[in-house]
Amino acid sequence: MPIAFITGITGQDGYYLAELLLSKGYKVHGTLRRSSTFNTSRIDNLISEYRSSGALTLHYSDLLDSSSLNTLVNNIAPDEVYNLAAQSHVAVSFENPIYTTQVGTVGSLSLLEAIRHLDKDVKFYQASSSEMYGGGMKESLNEESPFDPKSPYAVSKVFAHDITQVYRDSYGLFGVNGILFNHESPMRGETFVTRKITRAVGRIVLDLQTKVTLGNLEASRDWGFAGDYVLGMWMMMQHDTPEDWVIATGETHTVAEFAKAAFEVANLNFEEYVQTSEKYLRPNEVDYLLGNPSKAKQKLNWEPTTTFNDLVEMMVNSDIDLAKQERVLIDENLISPTWENPKK
């Protein structure tokens, strides 16, 4: 039974990756940040199904504590390590640049050091990001395209990407960088623009919200489904040689196009419900990102299976169901709206 160690297991990608690996018979270990509240809501169903059998084990850990992280890696002795942990919200990285950068740099380096000194061969996956490219070129981006980071988050990702290459070249470590373009799902955090839109659609349908406020509607992204992308992560780790890989759909859409498609799922005109505010603009905007996944398609036989419209519909339908639950709770006076522009 192969053993996998996932940092950031409670995030969107952590959930889908853990689900995939457990279905393949892996024993999965994941990290949790210590906090005053439980933060396992995304993976609660996996905990219920797999924890009692020992297939899924969770550990409190801090990527900034290299000593305890080294001890944890030694105790687990994993075959594969997936470093997904990060402060992953680009806008927040401007508000909290020190923490964002520390997790992205010290965290990845601490993991690499722990793996390097482990008395077994371990494969390492580093979650790189399309944000590293900077969005200045309106062309399809591949593994050889230059980086031009425009945020503290992107800078930290470039460091982690480069140091993984250094350890691969210097120590013969099986280290891969997955440059994943934007990938979404019903598990996406609600502060990310795609999920903010689909949550608003659900609440507007249920008469719980009147408008949604967004930033740059013309920002263009290559959006795919997170479930497809974690399969790409796993396939990189099974490849004969450690390399760097772009995972993307090869098509791009603006935020306005995403909003239009989302409201159309509910037979609504997005222009009646979407407003903009400068407070949601980034200090240094990334205008355009389009990925070229040709290498992954040719060498890994990876393909995205979820279309843009199917992804949007999946997210909207899920969030309409959530809004129905909120409607019941509000009608019973059990909760009050905490979102913007609630229906009075």
C-alpha atoms as a PDB file:
ATOM      1  CA  MET A   1       0.000   0.000   0.000  1.00  0.00           C
ATOM      2  CA  PRO A   2       1.687   3.266  -1.119  1.00  0.00           C
ATOM      3  CA  ILE A   3       1.825   6.084   1.435  1.00  0.00           C
ATOM      4  CA  ALA A   4       1.075   9.683   0.462  1.00  0.00           C
ATOM      5  CA  PHE A   5       1.591  12.825   2.539  1.00  0.00           C
ATOM      6  CA  ILE A   6      -0.504  15.871   1.581  1.00  0.00           C
ATOM      7  CA  THR A   7       0.060  19.324   3.015  1.00  0.00           C
ATOM      8  CA  GLY A   8      -3.030  21.488   2.670  1.00  0.00           C
ATOM      9  CA  ILE A   9      -5.355  18.485   2.650  1.00  0.00           C
ATOM     10  CA  THR A  10      -8.319  20.580   3.857  1.00  0.00           C
ATOM     11  CA  GLY A  11      -8.239  22.820   0.783  1.00  0.00           C
ATOM     12  CA  GLN A  12     -10.064  22.309  -2.503  1.00  0.00           C
ATOM     13  CA  ASP A  13      -7.186  20.455  -4.177  1.00  0.00           C
ATOM     14  CA  GLY A  14      -6.388  18.557  -0.991  1.00  0.00           C
ATOM     15  CA  TYR A  15      -9.908  17.170  -0.915  1.00  0.00           C
ATOM     16  CA  TYR A  16      -9.962  16.009  -4.532  1.00  0.00           C
ATOM     17  CA  LEU A  17      -6.423  14.614  -4.362  1.00  0.00           C
ATOM     18  CA  ALA A  18      -7.084  12.722  -1.121  1.00  0.00           C
ATOM     19  CA  GLU A  19     -10.293  11.306  -2.591  1.00  0.00           C
ATOM     20  CA  LEU A  20      -8.398  10.157  -5.690  1.00  0.00           C
ATOM     21  CA  LEU A  21      -5.508   8.581  -3.792  1.00  0.00           C
ATOM     22  CA  LEU A  22      -7.790   6.810  -1.309  1.00  0.00           C
ATOM     23  CA  SER A  23      -9.765   5.374  -4.227  1.00  0.00           C
ATOM     24  CA  LYS A  24      -6.472   4.022  -5.606  1.00  0.00           C
ATOM     25  CA  GLY A  25      -5.647   2.235  -2.359  1.00  0.00           C
ATOM     26  CA  TYR A  26      -3.167   4.703  -0.910  1.00  0.00           C
ATOM     27  CA  LYS A  27      -2.707   5.303   2.776  1.00  0.00           C
ATOM     28  CA  VAL A  28      -3.058   9.084   3.053  1.00  0.00           C
ATOM     29  CA  HIS A  29      -1.621  11.407   5.691  1.00  0.00           C
ATOM     30  CA  GLY A  30      -2.550  15.087   5.745  1.00  0.00           C
ATOM     31  CA  THR A  31      -1.716  18.194   7.728  1.00  0.00           C
ATOM     32  CA  LEU A  32      -4.030  20.465   9.679  1.00  0.00           C
ATOM     33  CA  ARG A  33      -3.235  23.922  11.021  1.00  0.00           C
ATOM     34  CA  ARG A  34      -3.885  24.332  14.727  1.00  0.00           C
ATOM     35  CA  SER A  35      -6.757  26.748  15.272  1.00  0.00           C
ATOM     36  CA  SER A  36      -9.540  27.468  17.720  1.00  0.00           C
ATOM     37  CA  THR A  37     -12.108  25.922  15.367  1.00  0.00           C
ATOM     38  CA  PHE A  38     -12.134  22.729  13.338  1.00  0.00           C
ATOM     39  CA  ASN A  39     -11.284  23.396   9.691  1.00  0.00           C
ATOM     40  CA  THR A  40     -12.016  20.018   8.157  1.00  0.00           C
ATOM     41  CA  SER A  41     -15.439  20.725   6.632  1.00  0.00           C
ATOM     42  CA  ARG A  42     -14.332  19.951   3.069  1.00  0.00           C
ATOM     43  CA  ILE A  43     -12.981  16.531   3.975  1.00  0.00           C
ATOM     44  CA  ASP A  44     -15.475  15.476   6.661  1.00  0.00           C
ATOM     45  CA  ASN A  45     -16.980  12.835   4.375  1.00  0.00           C
ATOM     46  CA  LEU A  46     -13.514  11.362   3.743  1.00  0.00           C
ATOM     47  CA  ILE A  47     -12.810  11.342   7.477  1.00  0.00           C
ATOM     48  CA  SER A  48     -16.075   9.487   8.113  1.00  0.00           C
ATOM     49  CA  GLU A  49     -15.331   6.892   5.446  1.00  0.00           C
ATOM     50  CA  TYR A  50     -11.609   6.270   5.816  1.00  0.00           C
ATOM     51  CA  ARG A  51     -10.270   7.388   9.204  1.00  0.00           C
ATOM     52  CA  SER A  52     -11.448   4.437  11.286  1.00  0.00           C
ATOM     53  CA  SER A  53      -9.718   1.968   8.962  1.00  0.00           C
ATOM     54  CA  GLY A  54      -6.449   3.861   9.191  1.00  0.00           C
ATOM     55  CA  ALA A  55      -6.437   4.732   5.491  1.00  0.00           C
ATOM     56  CA  LEU A  56      -6.632   8.452   6.331  1.00  0.00           C
ATOM     57  CA  THR A  57      -4.627  10.040   9.143  1.00  0.00           C
ATOM     58  CA  LEU A  58      -4.530  13.736   9.993  1.00  0.00           C
ATOM     59  CA  HIS A  59      -1.711  15.507  11.807  1.00  0.00           C
ATOM     60  CA  TYR A  60      -1.446  18.960  13.303  1.00  0.00           C
ATOM     61  CA  SER A  61       1.562  20.608  11.689  1.00  0.00           C
ATOM     62  CA  ASP A  62       3.032  23.984  10.809  1.00  0.00           C
ATOM     63  CA  LEU A  63       5.108  24.306   7.634  1.00  0.00           C
ATOM     64  CA  LEU A  64       7.064  27.094   9.306  1.00  0.00           C
ATOM     65  CA  ASP A  65       8.240  24.746  12.072  1.00  0.00           C
ATOM     66  CA  SER A  66      10.925  22.838  10.195  1.00  0.00           C
ATOM     67  CA  SER A  67      11.925  20.689  13.170  1.00  0.00           C
ATOM     68  CA  SER A  68       8.460  19.257  13.829  1.00  0.00           C
ATOM     69  CA  LEU A  69       7.839  18.915  10.085  1.00  0.00           C
ATOM     70  CA  ASN A  70      11.052  16.896   9.745  1.00  0.00           C
ATOM     71  CA  THR A  71       9.949  14.629  12.597  1.00  0.00           C
ATOM     72  CA  LEU A  72       6.534  14.141  11.009  1.00  0.00           C
ATOM     73  CA  VAL A  73       7.984  13.239   7.603  1.00  0.00           C
ATOM     74  CA  ASN A  74      10.357  10.761   9.255  1.00  0.00           C
ATOM     75  CA  ASN A  75       7.524   9.126  11.182  1.00  0.00           C
ATOM     76  CA  ILE A  76       5.251   8.839   8.136  1.00  0.00           C
ATOM     77  CA  ALA A  77       8.036   7.766   5.732  1.00  0.00           C
ATOM     78  CA  PRO A  78       5.884   8.564   2.681  1.00  0.00           C
ATOM     79  CA  ASP A  79       6.385   7.344  -0.864  1.00  0.00           C
ATOM     80  CA  GLU A  80       4.875  10.528  -2.307  1.00  0.00           C
ATOM     81  CA  VAL A  81       4.660  14.047  -0.881  1.00  0.00           C
ATOM     82  CA  TYR A  82       2.237  16.591  -2.333  1.00  0.00           C
ATOM     83  CA  ASN A  83       2.906  20.149  -1.173  1.00  0.00           C
ATOM     84  CA  LEU A  84      -0.417  21.928  -1.635  1.00  0.00           C
ATOM     85  CA  ALA A  85      -0.340  24.139   1.470  1.00  0.00           C
ATOM     86  CA  ALA A  86      -0.291  27.878   0.827  1.00  0.00           C
ATOM     87  CA  GLN A  87      -2.018  31.136   1.542  1.00  0.00           C
ATOM     88  CA  SER A  88      -3.531  30.837  -1.911  1.00  0.00           C
ATOM     89  CA  HIS A  89      -5.600  34.000  -2.304  1.00  0.00           C
ATOM     90  CA  VAL A  90      -3.687  36.462  -4.491  1.00  0.00           C
ATOM     91  CA  ALA A  91      -5.463  39.564  -3.195  1.00  0.00           C
ATOM     92  CA  VAL A  92      -4.871  38.528   0.420  1.00  0.00           C
ATOM     93  CA  SER A  93      -1.166  38.112  -0.341  1.00  0.00           C
ATOM     94  CA  PHE A  94      -0.940  41.898  -0.741  1.00  0.00           C
ATOM     95  CA  GLU A  95      -2.569  42.357   2.666  1.00  0.00           C
ATOM     96  CA  ASN A  96      -0.444  39.690   4.360  1.00  0.00           C
ATOM     97  CA  PRO A  97       2.734  39.393   2.278  1.00  0.00           C
ATOM     98  CA  ILE A  98       5.043  38.154   5.037  1.00  0.00           C
ATOM     99  CA  TYR A  99       2.970  35.121   6.029  1.00  0.00           C
ATOM    100  CA  THR A 100       2.162  34.329   2.385  1.00  0.00           C
ATOM    101  CA  THR A 101       5.820  34.398   1.434  1.00  0.00           C
ATOM    102  CA  GLN A 102       7.017  32.466   4.476  1.00  0.00           C
ATOM    103  CA  VAL A 103       4.631  29.568   3.869  1.00  0.00           C
ATOM    104  CA  GLY A 104       5.493  29.447   0.175  1.00  0.00           C
ATOM    105  CA  THR A 105       9.259  29.586   0.633  1.00  0.00           C
ATOM    106  CA  VAL A 106      10.231  28.249   4.067  1.00  0.00           C
ATOM    107  CA  GLY A 107       7.484  25.627   3.923  1.00  0.00           C
ATOM    108  CA  SER A 108       8.537  24.136   0.601  1.00  0.00           C
ATOM    109  CA  LEU A 109      12.227  24.250   1.518  1.00  0.00           C
ATOM    110  CA  SER A 110      11.597  22.546   4.862  1.00  0.00           C
ATOM    111  CA  LEU A 111       9.754  19.724   3.108  1.00  0.00           C
ATOM    112  CA  LEU A 112      12.520  19.272   0.553  1.00  0.00           C
ATOM    113  CA  GLU A 113      15.136  19.127   3.313  1.00  0.00           C
ATOM    114  CA  ALA A 114      13.116  16.572   5.268  1.00  0.00           C
ATOM    115  CA  ILE A 115      12.744  14.410   2.157  1.00  0.00           C
ATOM    116  CA  ARG A 116      16.410  14.745   1.215  1.00  0.00           C
ATOM    117  CA  HIS A 117      17.508  13.306   4.557  1.00  0.00           C
ATOM    118  CA  LEU A 118      14.938  10.505   4.621  1.00  0.00           C
ATOM    119  CA  ASP A 119      16.421   7.036   4.188  1.00  0.00           C
ATOM    120  CA  LYS A 120      14.228   6.103   1.223  1.00  0.00           C
ATOM    121  CA  ASP A 121      13.357   7.380  -2.232  1.00  0.00           C
ATOM    122  CA  VAL A 122      10.470   9.840  -2.070  1.00  0.00           C
ATOM    123  CA  LYS A 123       8.639  11.603  -4.880  1.00  0.00           C
ATOM    124  CA  PHE A 124       7.819  15.283  -4.316  1.00  0.00           C
ATOM    125  CA  TYR A 125       5.088  17.366  -5.961  1.00  0.00           C
ATOM    126  CA  GLN A 126       5.232  21.149  -5.717  1.00  0.00           C
ATOM    127  CA  ALA A 127       2.043  23.074  -6.480  1.00  0.00           C
ATOM    128  CA  SER A 128       3.222  25.825  -8.801  1.00  0.00           C
ATOM    129  CA  SER A 129       0.788  28.356 -10.229  1.00  0.00           C
ATOM    130  CA  SER A 130      -0.076  30.113 -13.469  1.00  0.00           C
ATOM    131  CA  GLU A 131       0.151  33.365 -11.474  1.00  0.00           C
ATOM    132  CA  MET A 132       3.939  33.019 -11.817  1.00  0.00           C
ATOM    133  CA  TYR A 133       3.667  34.093 -15.466  1.00  0.00           C
ATOM    134  CA  GLY A 134       2.284  37.525 -14.612  1.00  0.00           C
ATOM    135  CA  GLY A 135      -0.308  37.713 -17.388  1.00  0.00           C
ATOM    136  CA  GLY A 136       1.581  40.234 -19.495  1.00  0.00           C
ATOM    137  CA  MET A 137       1.634  38.125 -22.661  1.00  0.00           C
ATOM    138  CA  LYS A 138      -1.533  37.373 -24.590  1.00  0.00           C
ATOM    139  CA  GLU A 139      -0.264  34.034 -25.782  1.00  0.00           C
ATOM    140  CA  SER A 140      -0.459  30.399 -24.814  1.00  0.00           C
ATOM    141  CA  LEU A 141       1.963  29.655 -21.962  1.00  0.00           C
ATOM    142  CA  ASN A 142       3.943  26.433 -21.557  1.00  0.00           C
ATOM    143  CA  GLU A 143       6.702  25.027 -19.354  1.00  0.00           C
ATOM    144  CA  GLU A 144       9.359  27.162 -21.083  1.00  0.00           C
ATOM    145  CA  SER A 145       7.520  30.493 -20.897  1.00  0.00           C
ATOM    146  CA  PRO A 146       9.242  33.107 -18.692  1.00  0.00           C
ATOM    147  CA  PHE A 147       7.928  34.033 -15.246  1.00  0.00           C
ATOM    148  CA  ASP A 148       7.021  37.608 -14.332  1.00  0.00           C
ATOM    149  CA  PRO A 149       5.305  37.416 -10.902  1.00  0.00           C
ATOM    150  CA  LYS A 150       2.977  40.288 -10.010  1.00  0.00           C
ATOM    151  CA  SER A 151       2.044  39.485  -6.379  1.00  0.00           C
ATOM    152  CA  PRO A 152       3.659  38.240  -3.167  1.00  0.00           C
ATOM    153  CA  TYR A 153       1.811  34.964  -3.719  1.00  0.00           C
ATOM    154  CA  ALA A 154       3.296  34.556  -7.203  1.00  0.00           C
ATOM    155  CA  VAL A 155       6.803  35.466  -6.007  1.00  0.00           C
ATOM    156  CA  SER A 156       6.640  32.781  -3.312  1.00  0.00           C
ATOM    157  CA  LYS A 157       5.481  30.251  -5.898  1.00  0.00           C
ATOM    158  CA  VAL A 158       8.415  31.083  -8.195  1.00  0.00           C
ATOM    159  CA  PHE A 159      10.830  30.429  -5.316  1.00  0.00           C
ATOM    160  CA  ALA A 160       9.221  27.075  -4.495  1.00  0.00           C
ATOM    161  CA  HIS A 161       9.245  26.138  -8.183  1.00  0.00           C
ATOM    162  CA  ASP A 162      12.919  27.047  -8.602  1.00  0.00           C
ATOM    163  CA  ILE A 163      14.107  25.405  -5.379  1.00  0.00           C
ATOM    164  CA  THR A 164      12.358  22.182  -6.411  1.00  0.00           C
ATOM    165  CA  GLN A 165      14.357  22.263  -9.643  1.00  0.00           C
ATOM    166  CA  VAL A 166      17.554  22.929  -7.661  1.00  0.00           C
ATOM    167  CA  TYR A 167      16.981  19.901  -5.415  1.00  0.00           C
ATOM    168  CA  ARG A 168      16.097  17.770  -8.426  1.00  0.00           C
ATOM    169  CA  ASP A 169      19.294  18.747 -10.260  1.00  0.00           C
ATOM    170  CA  SER A 170      21.608  18.821  -7.231  1.00  0.00           C
ATOM    171  CA  TYR A 171      20.480  15.770  -5.260  1.00  0.00           C
ATOM    172  CA  GLY A 172      18.714  13.606  -7.821  1.00  0.00           C
ATOM    173  CA  LEU A 173      15.426  14.066  -5.967  1.00  0.00           C
ATOM    174  CA  PHE A 174      12.266  13.097  -7.838  1.00  0.00           C
ATOM    175  CA  GLY A 175      10.720  16.559  -7.686  1.00  0.00           C
ATOM    176  CA  VAL A 176       8.017  17.753 -10.058  1.00  0.00           C
ATOM    177  CA  ASN A 177       6.389  21.160 -10.471  1.00  0.00           C
ATOM    178  CA  GLY A 178       2.764  21.215 -11.533  1.00  0.00           C
ATOM    179  CA  ILE A 179       1.977  24.603 -13.085  1.00  0.00           C
ATOM    180  CA  LEU A 180      -1.786  24.441 -12.727  1.00  0.00           C
ATOM    181  CA  PHE A 181      -3.886  27.150 -14.298  1.00  0.00           C
ATOM    182  CA  ASN A 182      -7.059  28.247 -12.504  1.00  0.00           C
ATOM    183  CA  HIS A 183      -9.152  25.288 -11.417  1.00  0.00           C
ATOM    184  CA  GLU A 184     -12.516  25.507  -9.720  1.00  0.00           C
ATOM    185  CA  SER A 185     -15.222  23.338  -8.196  1.00  0.00           C
ATOM    186  CA  PRO A 186     -18.051  23.424  -5.662  1.00  0.00           C
ATOM    187  CA  MET A 187     -15.246  23.066  -3.078  1.00  0.00           C
ATOM    188  CA  ARG A 188     -13.608  26.344  -4.084  1.00  0.00           C
ATOM    189  CA  GLY A 189     -13.237  28.941  -1.337  1.00  0.00           C
ATOM    190  CA  GLU A 190     -16.029  31.489  -1.352  1.00  0.00           C
ATOM    191  CA  THR A 191     -13.707  34.501  -1.622  1.00  0.00           C
ATOM    192  CA  PHE A 192     -12.452  33.364  -5.027  1.00  0.00           C
ATOM    193  CA  VAL A 193     -14.280  35.173  -7.811  1.00  0.00           C
ATOM    194  CA  THR A 194     -15.793  32.101  -9.484  1.00  0.00           C
ATOM    195  CA  ARG A 195     -17.286  30.783  -6.266  1.00  0.00           C
ATOM    196  CA  LYS A 196     -18.341  34.270  -5.188  1.00  0.00           C
ATOM    197  CA  ILE A 197     -20.344  34.476  -8.404  1.00  0.00           C
ATOM    198  CA  THR A 198     -21.974  31.046  -8.140  1.00  0.00           C
ATOM    199  CA  ARG A 199     -22.801  31.550  -4.446  1.00  0.00           C
ATOM    200  CA  ALA A 200     -24.484  34.824  -5.376  1.00  0.00           C
ATOM    201  CA  VAL A 201     -26.502  33.148  -8.130  1.00  0.00           C
ATOM    202  CA  GLY A 202     -27.788  30.556  -5.668  1.00  0.00           C
ATOM    203  CA  ARG A 203     -28.772  33.186  -3.117  1.00  0.00           C
ATOM    204  CA  ILE A 204     -30.376  35.447  -5.705  1.00  0.00           C
ATOM    205  CA  VAL A 205     -32.459  32.516  -6.964  1.00  0.00           C
ATOM    206  CA  LEU A 206     -33.608  31.872  -3.381  1.00  0.00           C
ATOM    207  CA  ASP A 207     -34.330  35.584  -2.813  1.00  0.00           C
ATOM    208  CA  LEU A 208     -31.529  35.923  -0.256  1.00  0.00           C
ATOM    209  CA  GLN A 209     -29.296  38.419  -2.105  1.00  0.00           C
ATOM    210  CA  THR A 210     -29.864  41.314  -4.490  1.00  0.00           C
ATOM    211  CA  LYS A 211     -26.473  41.973  -6.159  1.00  0.00           C
ATOM    212  CA  VAL A 212     -22.910  40.673  -6.345  1.00  0.00           C
ATOM    213  CA  THR A 213     -19.974  43.086  -6.344  1.00  0.00           C
ATOM    214  CA  LEU A 214     -16.893  42.189  -8.403  1.00  0.00           C
ATOM    215  CA  GLY A 215     -13.633  43.806  -9.488  1.00  0.00           C
ATOM    216  CA  ASN A 216     -12.077  43.541 -12.948  1.00  0.00           C
ATOM    217  CA  LEU A 217     -14.657  41.934 -15.222  1.00  0.00           C
ATOM    218  CA  GLU A 218     -12.220  41.817 -18.143  1.00  0.00           C
ATOM    219  CA  ALA A 219      -9.568  39.719 -16.392  1.00  0.00           C
ATOM    220  CA  SER A 220      -9.230  36.548 -18.450  1.00  0.00           C
ATOM    221  CA  ARG A 221      -8.420  33.100 -17.058  1.00  0.00           C
ATOM    222  CA  ASP A 222      -7.998  29.524 -18.229  1.00  0.00           C
ATOM    223  CA  TRP A 223     -10.518  27.788 -15.938  1.00  0.00           C
ATOM    224  CA  GLY A 224     -10.772  24.031 -15.474  1.00  0.00           C
ATOM    225  CA  PHE A 225     -12.226  21.533 -12.989  1.00  0.00           C
ATOM    226  CA  ALA A 226     -10.125  20.743  -9.903  1.00  0.00           C
ATOM    227  CA  GLY A 227     -11.029  17.059 -10.067  1.00  0.00           C
ATOM    228  CA  ASP A 228      -9.430  16.792 -13.516  1.00  0.00           C
ATOM    229  CA  TYR A 229      -6.341  18.684 -12.371  1.00  0.00           C
ATOM    230  CA  VAL A 230      -5.487  16.534  -9.335  1.00  0.00           C
ATOM    231  CA  LEU A 231      -5.471  13.532 -11.653  1.00  0.00           C
ATOM    232  CA  GLY A 232      -2.797  15.411 -13.579  1.00  0.00           C
ATOM    233  CA  MET A 233      -0.818  15.822 -10.340  1.00  0.00           C
ATOM    234  CA  TRP A 234      -0.881  12.084  -9.706  1.00  0.00           C
ATOM    235  CA  MET A 235       0.050  11.276 -13.313  1.00  0.00           C
ATOM    236  CA  MET A 236       3.126  13.542 -13.086  1.00  0.00           C
ATOM    237  CA  MET A 237       4.287  11.556 -10.067  1.00  0.00           C
ATOM    238  CA  GLN A 238       3.922   8.254 -11.951  1.00  0.00           C
ATOM    239  CA  HIS A 239       5.973   9.443 -14.931  1.00  0.00           C
ATOM    240  CA  ASP A 240       9.360   7.784 -15.441  1.00  0.00           C
ATOM    241  CA  THR A 241      11.314  11.018 -14.948  1.00  0.00           C
ATOM    242  CA  PRO A 242      10.709  14.098 -12.776  1.00  0.00           C
ATOM    243  CA  GLU A 243       9.757  17.073 -14.912  1.00  0.00           C
ATOM    244  CA  ASP A 244       7.680  20.263 -14.864  1.00  0.00           C
ATOM    245  CA  TRP A 245       4.190  20.251 -16.322  1.00  0.00           C
ATOM    246  CA  VAL A 246       1.491  22.728 -17.340  1.00  0.00           C
ATOM    247  CA  ILE A 247      -2.073  21.625 -16.620  1.00  0.00           C
ATOM    248  CA  ALA A 248      -4.722  23.771 -18.321  1.00  0.00           C
ATOM    249  CA  THR A 249      -7.682  23.580 -20.695  1.00  0.00           C
ATOM    250  CA  GLY A 250      -6.154  25.674 -23.473  1.00  0.00           C
ATOM    251  CA  GLU A 251      -9.045  28.139 -23.561  1.00  0.00           C
ATOM    252  CA  THR A 252      -9.619  31.375 -21.707  1.00  0.00           C
ATOM    253  CA  HIS A 253     -12.695  33.301 -20.524  1.00  0.00           C
ATOM    254  CA  THR A 254     -13.218  36.668 -18.881  1.00  0.00           C
ATOM    255  CA  VAL A 255     -14.784  37.119 -15.459  1.00  0.00           C
ATOM    256  CA  ALA A 256     -17.747  38.702 -17.261  1.00  0.00           C
ATOM    257  CA  GLU A 257     -18.135  35.563 -19.396  1.00  0.00           C
ATOM    258  CA  PHE A 258     -18.055  33.380 -16.294  1.00  0.00           C
ATOM    259  CA  ALA A 259     -20.695  35.560 -14.629  1.00  0.00           C
ATOM    260  CA  LYS A 260     -22.873  35.544 -17.745  1.00  0.00           C
ATOM    261  CA  ALA A 261     -22.705  31.744 -17.984  1.00  0.00           C
ATOM    262  CA  ALA A 262     -23.437  31.330 -14.267  1.00  0.00           C
ATOM    263  CA  PHE A 263     -26.530  33.517 -14.279  1.00  0.00           C
ATOM    264  CA  GLU A 264     -27.749  31.867 -17.491  1.00  0.00           C
ATOM    265  CA  VAL A 265     -27.838  28.516 -15.666  1.00  0.00           C
ATOM    266  CA  ALA A 266     -30.565  30.105 -13.514  1.00  0.00           C
ATOM    267  CA  ASN A 267     -32.186  31.845 -16.525  1.00  0.00           C
ATOM    268  CA  LEU A 268     -31.085  35.263 -15.252  1.00  0.00           C
ATOM    269  CA  ASN A 269     -29.395  38.207 -16.983  1.00  0.00           C
ATOM    270  CA  PHE A 270     -26.103  38.841 -15.183  1.00  0.00           C
ATOM    271  CA  GLU A 271     -26.116  42.546 -16.082  1.00  0.00           C
ATOM    272  CA  GLU A 272     -29.077  43.056 -13.740  1.00  0.00           C
ATOM    273  CA  TYR A 273     -27.232  41.609 -10.750  1.00  0.00           C
ATOM    274  CA  VAL A 274     -23.499  42.332 -11.180  1.00  0.00           C
ATOM    275  CA  GLN A 275     -21.903  45.570 -10.026  1.00  0.00           C
ATOM    276  CA  THR A 276     -18.231  46.526  -9.755  1.00  0.00           C
ATOM    277  CA  SER A 277     -16.120  48.243  -7.130  1.00  0.00           C
ATOM    278  CA  GLU A 278     -12.518  49.432  -7.137  1.00  0.00           C
ATOM    279  CA  LYS A 279     -11.977  47.845  -3.727  1.00  0.00           C
ATOM    280  CA  TYR A 280     -11.863  44.449  -5.441  1.00  0.00           C
ATOM    281  CA  LEU A 281      -9.134  45.465  -7.889  1.00  0.00           C
ATOM    282  CA  ARG A 282      -5.632  44.135  -7.226  1.00  0.00           C
ATOM    283  CA  PRO A 283      -2.738  46.573  -6.772  1.00  0.00           C
ATOM    284  CA  ASN A 284      -1.023  44.850  -9.714  1.00  0.00           C
ATOM    285  CA  GLU A 285      -3.563  43.166 -11.965  1.00  0.00           C
ATOM    286  CA  VAL A 286      -2.895  40.014 -13.977  1.00  0.00           C
ATOM    287  CA  ASP A 287      -5.009  40.579 -17.068  1.00  0.00           C
ATOM    288  CA  TYR A 288      -4.687  37.436 -19.180  1.00  0.00           C
ATOM    289  CA  LEU A 289      -3.709  33.806 -18.589  1.00  0.00           C
ATOM    290  CA  LEU A 290      -3.945  30.982 -21.126  1.00  0.00           C
ATOM    291  CA  GLY A 291      -2.210  27.643 -20.682  1.00  0.00           C
ATOM    292  CA  ASN A 292      -0.772  25.214 -23.209  1.00  0.00           C
ATOM    293  CA  PRO A 293      -1.101  21.660 -21.826  1.00  0.00           C
ATOM    294  CA  SER A 294       0.341  19.960 -24.944  1.00  0.00           C
ATOM    295  CA  LYS A 295       3.191  18.310 -23.050  1.00  0.00           C
ATOM    296  CA  ALA A 296       0.872  16.776 -20.435  1.00  0.00           C
ATOM    297  CA  LYS A 297      -1.497  15.597 -23.145  1.00  0.00           C
ATOM    298  CA  GLN A 298       1.269  13.983 -25.191  1.00  0.00           C
ATOM    299  CA  LYS A 299       3.517  12.516 -22.482  1.00  0.00           C
ATOM    300  CA  LEU A 300       1.028  11.812 -19.664  1.00  0.00           C
ATOM    301  CA  ASN A 301      -2.061  11.187 -21.794  1.00  0.00           C
ATOM    302  CA  TRP A 302      -3.862  13.678 -19.550  1.00  0.00           C
ATOM    303  CA  GLU A 303      -6.987  15.413 -20.835  1.00  0.00           C
ATOM    304  CA  PRO A 304      -9.464  17.784 -19.188  1.00  0.00           C
ATOM    305  CA  THR A 305     -12.852  16.065 -19.171  1.00  0.00           C
ATOM    306  CA  THR A 306     -15.049  18.910 -17.887  1.00  0.00           C
ATOM    307  CA  THR A 307     -15.991  21.746 -20.237  1.00  0.00           C
ATOM    308  CA  PHE A 308     -16.218  25.365 -19.160  1.00  0.00           C
ATOM    309  CA  ASN A 309     -20.021  25.366 -19.327  1.00  0.00           C
ATOM    310  CA  ASP A 310     -20.274  22.052 -17.468  1.00  0.00           C
ATOM    311  CA  LEU A 311     -18.001  23.417 -14.733  1.00  0.00           C
ATOM    312  CA  VAL A 312     -20.101  26.555 -14.324  1.00  0.00           C
ATOM    313  CA  GLU A 313     -23.339  24.550 -14.251  1.00  0.00           C
ATOM    314  CA  MET A 314     -21.897  22.124 -11.663  1.00  0.00           C
ATOM    315  CA  MET A 315     -20.932  25.000  -9.364  1.00  0.00           C
ATOM    316  CA  VAL A 316     -24.199  26.903  -9.751  1.00  0.00           C
ATOM    317  CA  ASN A 317     -26.371  23.845  -9.108  1.00  0.00           C
ATOM    318  CA  SER A 318     -24.357  22.994  -6.003  1.00  0.00           C
ATOM    319  CA  ASP A 319     -24.690  26.540  -4.697  1.00  0.00           C
ATOM    320  CA  ILE A 320     -28.416  26.663  -5.377  1.00  0.00           C
ATOM    321  CA  ASP A 321     -28.703  23.589  -3.134  1.00  0.00           C
ATOM    322  CA  LEU A 322     -26.674  25.369  -0.444  1.00  0.00           C
ATOM    323  CA  ALA A 323     -28.865  28.452  -0.749  1.00  0.00           C
ATOM    324  CA  LYS A 324     -31.969  26.288  -0.267  1.00  0.00           C
ATOM    325  CA  GLN A 325     -30.525  25.130   3.060  1.00  0.00           C
ATOM    326  CA  GLU A 326     -29.772  28.736   4.023  1.00  0.00           C
ATOM    327  CA  ARG A 327     -33.323  29.731   3.103  1.00  0.00           C
ATOM    328  CA  VAL A 328     -34.737  27.176   5.541  1.00  0.00           C
ATOM    329  CA  LEU A 329     -32.398  28.276   8.341  1.00  0.00           C
ATOM    330  CA  ILE A 330     -33.219  31.951   7.817  1.00  0.00           C
ATOM    331  CA  ASP A 331     -36.953  31.277   7.729  1.00  0.00           C
ATOM    332  CA  GLU A 332     -36.571  29.462  11.056  1.00  0.00           C
ATOM    333  CA  ASN A 333     -34.573  32.421  12.463  1.00  0.00           C
ATOM    334  CA  LEU A 334     -31.598  30.127  13.038  1.00  0.00           C
ATOM    335  CA  ILE A 335     -29.099  32.217  11.077  1.00  0.00           C
ATOM    336  CA  SER A 336     -28.810  35.758   9.745  1.00  0.00           C
ATOM    337  CA  PRO A 337     -27.244  36.734   6.411  1.00  0.00           C
ATOM    338  CA  THR A 338     -23.504  37.371   6.613  1.00  0.00           C
ATOM    339  CA  TRP A 339     -22.982  38.006   2.894  1.00  0.00           C
ATOM    340  CA  GLU A 340     -23.001  41.260   0.942  1.00  0.00           C
ATOM    341  CA  ASN A 341     -26.200  42.811  -0.411  1.00  0.00           C
ATOM    342  CA  PRO A 342     -28.641  40.556   1.489  1.00  0.00           C
ATOM    343  CA  LYS A 343     -32.310  40.760   0.550  1.00  0.00           C
ATOM    344  CA  LYS A 344     -34.104  42.847   3.173  1.00  0.00           C
END
